Amino acid sequence: MATKGTRSPRAGKPAAKASPSGGGKSKAAAAKGTKKSKGGPPPKRDRVKEGLIAKIMKLAGNLGTDSLKKLLNDAAILAHNERVLAEYRAGQEKARPAAKGALAGVEEGKDGTYFMVTLKGHRHIFGIGEMRNLVRACHDVKAAGFSGPVLYSWLERARRDVLKNSKIADSNDPSLPALWKIIVATYRAKDQ
């Protein structure tokens, strides 16, 4: 009976033990107290993850070299995306809300492999290659008055999702020259 309400220690807390005299706590209350865990995921999730890894390992044994290379590449991409999203979520919690009047903004990711481009309050993740191309497009324009059509056509070709999500209907949108000003003032185009 004494082991029914016990669990292994977690996060430096001792395991709950049933009192020999009953201690005034019902069995349900003692069991309820041991089920809640504030530190880390429940053990069941670890078992699920271990089971999935075992299934992947078993299936991977049947794959050819080319398929294994593709699987490895896909796994690396997924791991990178999870890390970037975790950093983004951590930044979201710390970041202060953007000013209501801000039409555009650019933030560099922690590791420099991505950028957060904000247009009309909507944030978009740009890879380093996309950002370099955007910077080149901005530096090809000599004045803010001509930046709208150039940026609009670049976004329409390369990142149509940005136009749709930010509700940019045409090249006359004021957020495009605002983005141009930020990029030209902050980034230099590399000659390649």
C-alpha atoms as a PDB file:
ATOM      1  CA  MET A   1       0.000   0.000   0.000  1.00  0.00           C
ATOM      2  CA  ALA A   2       2.819   2.419   0.726  1.00  0.00           C
ATOM      3  CA  THR A   3       4.070   2.297  -2.872  1.00  0.00           C
ATOM      4  CA  LYS A   4       0.719   3.095  -4.510  1.00  0.00           C
ATOM      5  CA  GLY A   5       1.034   6.850  -4.049  1.00  0.00           C
ATOM      6  CA  THR A   6       4.773   7.117  -4.799  1.00  0.00           C
ATOM      7  CA  ARG A   7       6.619   8.192  -7.899  1.00  0.00           C
ATOM      8  CA  SER A   8      10.223   8.796  -8.694  1.00  0.00           C
ATOM      9  CA  PRO A   9      11.468  12.270  -7.763  1.00  0.00           C
ATOM     10  CA  ARG A  10      11.170  15.005 -10.384  1.00  0.00           C
ATOM     11  CA  ALA A  11      12.772  18.412 -10.500  1.00  0.00           C
ATOM     12  CA  GLY A  12      14.345  17.990  -7.083  1.00  0.00           C
ATOM     13  CA  LYS A  13      11.075  17.163  -5.306  1.00  0.00           C
ATOM     14  CA  PRO A  14      10.925  14.042  -3.110  1.00  0.00           C
ATOM     15  CA  ALA A  15       8.448  11.314  -3.966  1.00  0.00           C
ATOM     16  CA  ALA A  16       5.097  11.476  -2.183  1.00  0.00           C
ATOM     17  CA  LYS A  17       4.730   8.663   0.359  1.00  0.00           C
ATOM     18  CA  ALA A  18       1.591   7.378   1.971  1.00  0.00           C
ATOM     19  CA  SER A  19       1.521   7.952   5.691  1.00  0.00           C
ATOM     20  CA  PRO A  20       1.122   4.825   7.838  1.00  0.00           C
ATOM     21  CA  SER A  21      -1.592   6.521   9.908  1.00  0.00           C
ATOM     22  CA  GLY A  22      -3.509   7.755   6.872  1.00  0.00           C
ATOM     23  CA  GLY A  23      -2.320  11.353   7.480  1.00  0.00           C
ATOM     24  CA  GLY A  24      -5.779  12.824   6.900  1.00  0.00           C
ATOM     25  CA  LYS A  25      -5.356  12.637   3.090  1.00  0.00           C
ATOM     26  CA  SER A  26      -7.645  10.420   1.101  1.00  0.00           C
ATOM     27  CA  LYS A  27      -6.200   8.005  -1.452  1.00  0.00           C
ATOM     28  CA  ALA A  28      -7.743  10.076  -4.259  1.00  0.00           C
ATOM     29  CA  ALA A  29      -6.118  13.266  -2.967  1.00  0.00           C
ATOM     30  CA  ALA A  30      -2.748  11.539  -2.612  1.00  0.00           C
ATOM     31  CA  ALA A  31      -2.992  10.099  -6.141  1.00  0.00           C
ATOM     32  CA  LYS A  32      -4.146  13.440  -7.551  1.00  0.00           C
ATOM     33  CA  GLY A  33      -1.121  15.192  -6.082  1.00  0.00           C
ATOM     34  CA  THR A  34       1.291  12.765  -7.726  1.00  0.00           C
ATOM     35  CA  LYS A  35      -0.182  13.022 -11.205  1.00  0.00           C
ATOM     36  CA  LYS A  36       0.494  16.737 -11.627  1.00  0.00           C
ATOM     37  CA  SER A  37       3.955  17.586 -12.847  1.00  0.00           C
ATOM     38  CA  LYS A  38       5.288  21.073 -13.399  1.00  0.00           C
ATOM     39  CA  GLY A  39       8.740  20.112 -14.692  1.00  0.00           C
ATOM     40  CA  GLY A  40       8.845  18.609 -18.188  1.00  0.00           C
ATOM     41  CA  PRO A  41       6.516  16.450 -20.250  1.00  0.00           C
ATOM     42  CA  PRO A  42       4.841  13.404 -18.754  1.00  0.00           C
ATOM     43  CA  PRO A  43       6.694  10.075 -19.146  1.00  0.00           C
ATOM     44  CA  LYS A  44       4.098   8.863 -21.674  1.00  0.00           C
ATOM     45  CA  ARG A  45       5.339  11.403 -24.241  1.00  0.00           C
ATOM     46  CA  ASP A  46       8.879  10.086 -23.896  1.00  0.00           C
ATOM     47  CA  ARG A  47       7.623   6.554 -24.572  1.00  0.00           C
ATOM     48  CA  VAL A  48       5.747   7.755 -27.634  1.00  0.00           C
ATOM     49  CA  LYS A  49       8.864   9.507 -28.934  1.00  0.00           C
ATOM     50  CA  GLU A  50      11.000   6.424 -28.278  1.00  0.00           C
ATOM     51  CA  GLY A  51       8.456   4.269 -30.112  1.00  0.00           C
ATOM     52  CA  LEU A  52       8.463   6.610 -33.111  1.00  0.00           C
ATOM     53  CA  ILE A  53      12.260   6.651 -33.229  1.00  0.00           C
ATOM     54  CA  ALA A  54      12.305   2.840 -33.103  1.00  0.00           C
ATOM     55  CA  LYS A  55       9.828   2.664 -36.007  1.00  0.00           C
ATOM     56  CA  ILE A  56      11.916   5.107 -38.041  1.00  0.00           C
ATOM     57  CA  MET A  57      15.081   3.096 -37.330  1.00  0.00           C
ATOM     58  CA  LYS A  58      13.351  -0.119 -38.400  1.00  0.00           C
ATOM     59  CA  LEU A  59      12.087   1.430 -41.642  1.00  0.00           C
ATOM     60  CA  ALA A  60      15.417   3.141 -42.338  1.00  0.00           C
ATOM     61  CA  GLY A  61      17.126  -0.263 -42.372  1.00  0.00           C
ATOM     62  CA  ASN A  62      15.156  -1.117 -45.517  1.00  0.00           C
ATOM     63  CA  LEU A  63      16.040   2.069 -47.437  1.00  0.00           C
ATOM     64  CA  GLY A  64      18.685   2.549 -50.098  1.00  0.00           C
ATOM     65  CA  THR A  65      21.509   5.062 -49.932  1.00  0.00           C
ATOM     66  CA  ASP A  66      19.704   7.770 -51.915  1.00  0.00           C
ATOM     67  CA  SER A  67      16.580   7.435 -49.789  1.00  0.00           C
ATOM     68  CA  LEU A  68      18.660   7.591 -46.604  1.00  0.00           C
ATOM     69  CA  LYS A  69      20.341  10.787 -47.820  1.00  0.00           C
ATOM     70  CA  LYS A  70      16.922  12.323 -48.501  1.00  0.00           C
ATOM     71  CA  LEU A  71      15.648  11.200 -45.085  1.00  0.00           C
ATOM     72  CA  LEU A  72      18.694  12.724 -43.397  1.00  0.00           C
ATOM     73  CA  ASN A  73      18.260  15.993 -45.303  1.00  0.00           C
ATOM     74  CA  ASP A  74      14.544  16.140 -44.438  1.00  0.00           C
ATOM     75  CA  ALA A  75      15.295  15.439 -40.771  1.00  0.00           C
ATOM     76  CA  ALA A  76      17.909  18.226 -40.721  1.00  0.00           C
ATOM     77  CA  ILE A  77      15.396  20.655 -42.230  1.00  0.00           C
ATOM     78  CA  LEU A  78      12.734  19.679 -39.691  1.00  0.00           C
ATOM     79  CA  ALA A  79      15.192  20.068 -36.803  1.00  0.00           C
ATOM     80  CA  HIS A  80      16.245  23.503 -38.087  1.00  0.00           C
ATOM     81  CA  ASN A  81      12.613  24.599 -38.491  1.00  0.00           C
ATOM     82  CA  GLU A  82      11.740  23.473 -34.954  1.00  0.00           C
ATOM     83  CA  ARG A  83      14.711  25.409 -33.562  1.00  0.00           C
ATOM     84  CA  VAL A  84      13.828  28.548 -35.523  1.00  0.00           C
ATOM     85  CA  LEU A  85      10.180  28.349 -34.451  1.00  0.00           C
ATOM     86  CA  ALA A  86      11.197  27.833 -30.817  1.00  0.00           C
ATOM     87  CA  GLU A  87      13.431  30.918 -31.015  1.00  0.00           C
ATOM     88  CA  TYR A  88      10.638  32.853 -32.699  1.00  0.00           C
ATOM     89  CA  ARG A  89       8.130  31.863 -29.995  1.00  0.00           C
ATOM     90  CA  ALA A  90      10.624  32.795 -27.279  1.00  0.00           C
ATOM     91  CA  GLY A  91      11.119  36.146 -28.996  1.00  0.00           C
ATOM     92  CA  GLN A  92       7.355  36.632 -29.254  1.00  0.00           C
ATOM     93  CA  GLU A  93       7.027  36.291 -25.499  1.00  0.00           C
ATOM     94  CA  LYS A  94       9.801  38.829 -24.881  1.00  0.00           C
ATOM     95  CA  ALA A  95       9.076  41.209 -27.744  1.00  0.00           C
ATOM     96  CA  ARG A  96       7.013  44.249 -27.141  1.00  0.00           C
ATOM     97  CA  PRO A  97       4.100  44.828 -29.488  1.00  0.00           C
ATOM     98  CA  ALA A  98       4.883  46.752 -32.654  1.00  0.00           C
ATOM     99  CA  ALA A  99       3.765  50.336 -32.793  1.00  0.00           C
ATOM    100  CA  LYS A 100       0.362  50.671 -34.405  1.00  0.00           C
ATOM    101  CA  GLY A 101       1.633  53.202 -36.943  1.00  0.00           C
ATOM    102  CA  ALA A 102       4.569  51.028 -38.073  1.00  0.00           C
ATOM    103  CA  LEU A 103       4.089  49.902 -41.653  1.00  0.00           C
ATOM    104  CA  ALA A 104       7.277  47.855 -41.949  1.00  0.00           C
ATOM    105  CA  GLY A 105      10.092  46.394 -39.898  1.00  0.00           C
ATOM    106  CA  VAL A 106      12.995  43.946 -40.155  1.00  0.00           C
ATOM    107  CA  GLU A 107      14.545  41.873 -37.353  1.00  0.00           C
ATOM    108  CA  GLU A 108      17.482  39.518 -37.745  1.00  0.00           C
ATOM    109  CA  GLY A 109      17.206  36.012 -36.277  1.00  0.00           C
ATOM    110  CA  LYS A 110      19.539  34.975 -33.461  1.00  0.00           C
ATOM    111  CA  ASP A 111      21.787  32.856 -35.667  1.00  0.00           C
ATOM    112  CA  GLY A 112      21.663  35.148 -38.712  1.00  0.00           C
ATOM    113  CA  THR A 113      20.116  32.496 -40.976  1.00  0.00           C
ATOM    114  CA  TYR A 114      16.679  34.076 -41.066  1.00  0.00           C
ATOM    115  CA  PHE A 115      14.972  37.457 -40.813  1.00  0.00           C
ATOM    116  CA  MET A 116      11.543  38.526 -39.589  1.00  0.00           C
ATOM    117  CA  VAL A 117      10.050  41.011 -42.054  1.00  0.00           C
ATOM    118  CA  THR A 118       6.976  42.806 -40.724  1.00  0.00           C
ATOM    119  CA  LEU A 119       4.556  44.481 -43.116  1.00  0.00           C
ATOM    120  CA  LYS A 120       1.366  46.110 -41.819  1.00  0.00           C
ATOM    121  CA  GLY A 121       1.605  44.168 -38.555  1.00  0.00           C
ATOM    122  CA  HIS A 122       2.089  40.739 -40.198  1.00  0.00           C
ATOM    123  CA  ARG A 123       5.398  38.943 -39.585  1.00  0.00           C
ATOM    124  CA  HIS A 124       7.055  36.802 -42.249  1.00  0.00           C
ATOM    125  CA  ILE A 125      10.158  34.615 -42.004  1.00  0.00           C
ATOM    126  CA  PHE A 126      12.728  35.190 -44.765  1.00  0.00           C
ATOM    127  CA  GLY A 127      15.732  32.930 -45.270  1.00  0.00           C
ATOM    128  CA  ILE A 128      19.180  34.469 -45.702  1.00  0.00           C
ATOM    129  CA  GLY A 129      19.081  33.947 -49.480  1.00  0.00           C
ATOM    130  CA  GLU A 130      15.662  35.559 -49.798  1.00  0.00           C
ATOM    131  CA  MET A 131      16.799  38.493 -47.698  1.00  0.00           C
ATOM    132  CA  ARG A 132      19.911  39.007 -49.819  1.00  0.00           C
ATOM    133  CA  ASN A 133      17.755  39.061 -52.957  1.00  0.00           C
ATOM    134  CA  LEU A 134      15.346  41.522 -51.339  1.00  0.00           C
ATOM    135  CA  VAL A 135      18.245  43.789 -50.314  1.00  0.00           C
ATOM    136  CA  ARG A 136      19.599  43.708 -53.886  1.00  0.00           C
ATOM    137  CA  ALA A 137      16.156  44.585 -55.258  1.00  0.00           C
ATOM    138  CA  CYS A 138      15.908  47.509 -52.829  1.00  0.00           C
ATOM    139  CA  HIS A 139      19.361  48.813 -53.724  1.00  0.00           C
ATOM    140  CA  ASP A 140      18.499  48.647 -57.436  1.00  0.00           C
ATOM    141  CA  VAL A 141      15.911  51.392 -56.790  1.00  0.00           C
ATOM    142  CA  LYS A 142      17.342  54.887 -56.386  1.00  0.00           C
ATOM    143  CA  ALA A 143      14.362  56.622 -54.728  1.00  0.00           C
ATOM    144  CA  ALA A 144      11.483  55.670 -52.424  1.00  0.00           C
ATOM    145  CA  GLY A 145       8.955  56.867 -54.997  1.00  0.00           C
ATOM    146  CA  PHE A 146      10.009  54.088 -57.377  1.00  0.00           C
ATOM    147  CA  SER A 147      10.311  51.361 -54.750  1.00  0.00           C
ATOM    148  CA  GLY A 148       6.645  50.313 -54.634  1.00  0.00           C
ATOM    149  CA  PRO A 149       6.417  48.743 -58.112  1.00  0.00           C
ATOM    150  CA  VAL A 150       9.837  47.061 -57.818  1.00  0.00           C
ATOM    151  CA  LEU A 151       9.176  45.551 -54.390  1.00  0.00           C
ATOM    152  CA  TYR A 152       5.644  44.553 -55.321  1.00  0.00           C
ATOM    153  CA  SER A 153       6.811  42.684 -58.430  1.00  0.00           C
ATOM    154  CA  TRP A 154       9.675  41.048 -56.475  1.00  0.00           C
ATOM    155  CA  LEU A 155       7.291  39.892 -53.741  1.00  0.00           C
ATOM    156  CA  GLU A 156       4.787  38.708 -56.339  1.00  0.00           C
ATOM    157  CA  ARG A 157       7.493  36.547 -57.934  1.00  0.00           C
ATOM    158  CA  ALA A 158       9.348  35.334 -54.848  1.00  0.00           C
ATOM    159  CA  ARG A 159       6.949  35.575 -51.881  1.00  0.00           C
ATOM    160  CA  ARG A 160       3.331  35.937 -52.970  1.00  0.00           C
ATOM    161  CA  ASP A 161       2.279  34.773 -49.474  1.00  0.00           C
ATOM    162  CA  VAL A 162       3.650  38.015 -48.010  1.00  0.00           C
ATOM    163  CA  LEU A 163       1.399  40.114 -50.251  1.00  0.00           C
ATOM    164  CA  LYS A 164      -1.623  38.004 -49.405  1.00  0.00           C
ATOM    165  CA  ASN A 165      -1.050  37.828 -45.636  1.00  0.00           C
ATOM    166  CA  SER A 166      -0.205  41.520 -45.330  1.00  0.00           C
ATOM    167  CA  LYS A 167      -3.158  42.460 -47.547  1.00  0.00           C
ATOM    168  CA  ILE A 168      -1.035  44.401 -50.016  1.00  0.00           C
ATOM    169  CA  ALA A 169      -3.259  44.811 -53.073  1.00  0.00           C
ATOM    170  CA  ASP A 170      -0.998  46.771 -55.397  1.00  0.00           C
ATOM    171  CA  SER A 171       2.313  48.575 -55.806  1.00  0.00           C
ATOM    172  CA  ASN A 172       0.888  51.802 -54.316  1.00  0.00           C
ATOM    173  CA  ASP A 173       0.723  50.348 -50.792  1.00  0.00           C
ATOM    174  CA  PRO A 174       2.593  52.677 -48.362  1.00  0.00           C
ATOM    175  CA  SER A 175       4.232  49.742 -46.533  1.00  0.00           C
ATOM    176  CA  LEU A 176       6.472  49.008 -49.555  1.00  0.00           C
ATOM    177  CA  PRO A 177       8.357  52.344 -49.526  1.00  0.00           C
ATOM    178  CA  ALA A 178       8.557  52.041 -45.712  1.00  0.00           C
ATOM    179  CA  LEU A 179      10.221  48.624 -46.094  1.00  0.00           C
ATOM    180  CA  TRP A 180      12.539  50.017 -48.798  1.00  0.00           C
ATOM    181  CA  LYS A 181      13.676  52.839 -46.487  1.00  0.00           C
ATOM    182  CA  ILE A 182      14.457  50.418 -43.648  1.00  0.00           C
ATOM    183  CA  ILE A 183      16.366  47.991 -45.855  1.00  0.00           C
ATOM    184  CA  VAL A 184      18.389  50.638 -47.699  1.00  0.00           C
ATOM    185  CA  ALA A 185      19.288  52.351 -44.408  1.00  0.00           C
ATOM    186  CA  THR A 186      20.214  49.110 -42.627  1.00  0.00           C
ATOM    187  CA  TYR A 187      21.662  46.658 -45.168  1.00  0.00           C
ATOM    188  CA  ARG A 188      24.202  46.889 -47.961  1.00  0.00           C
ATOM    189  CA  ALA A 189      23.968  44.888 -51.167  1.00  0.00           C
ATOM    190  CA  LYS A 190      26.897  42.534 -51.636  1.00  0.00           C
ATOM    191  CA  ASP A 191      28.507  42.593 -55.046  1.00  0.00           C
ATOM    192  CA  GLN A 192      28.570  39.000 -56.242  1.00  0.00           C
END
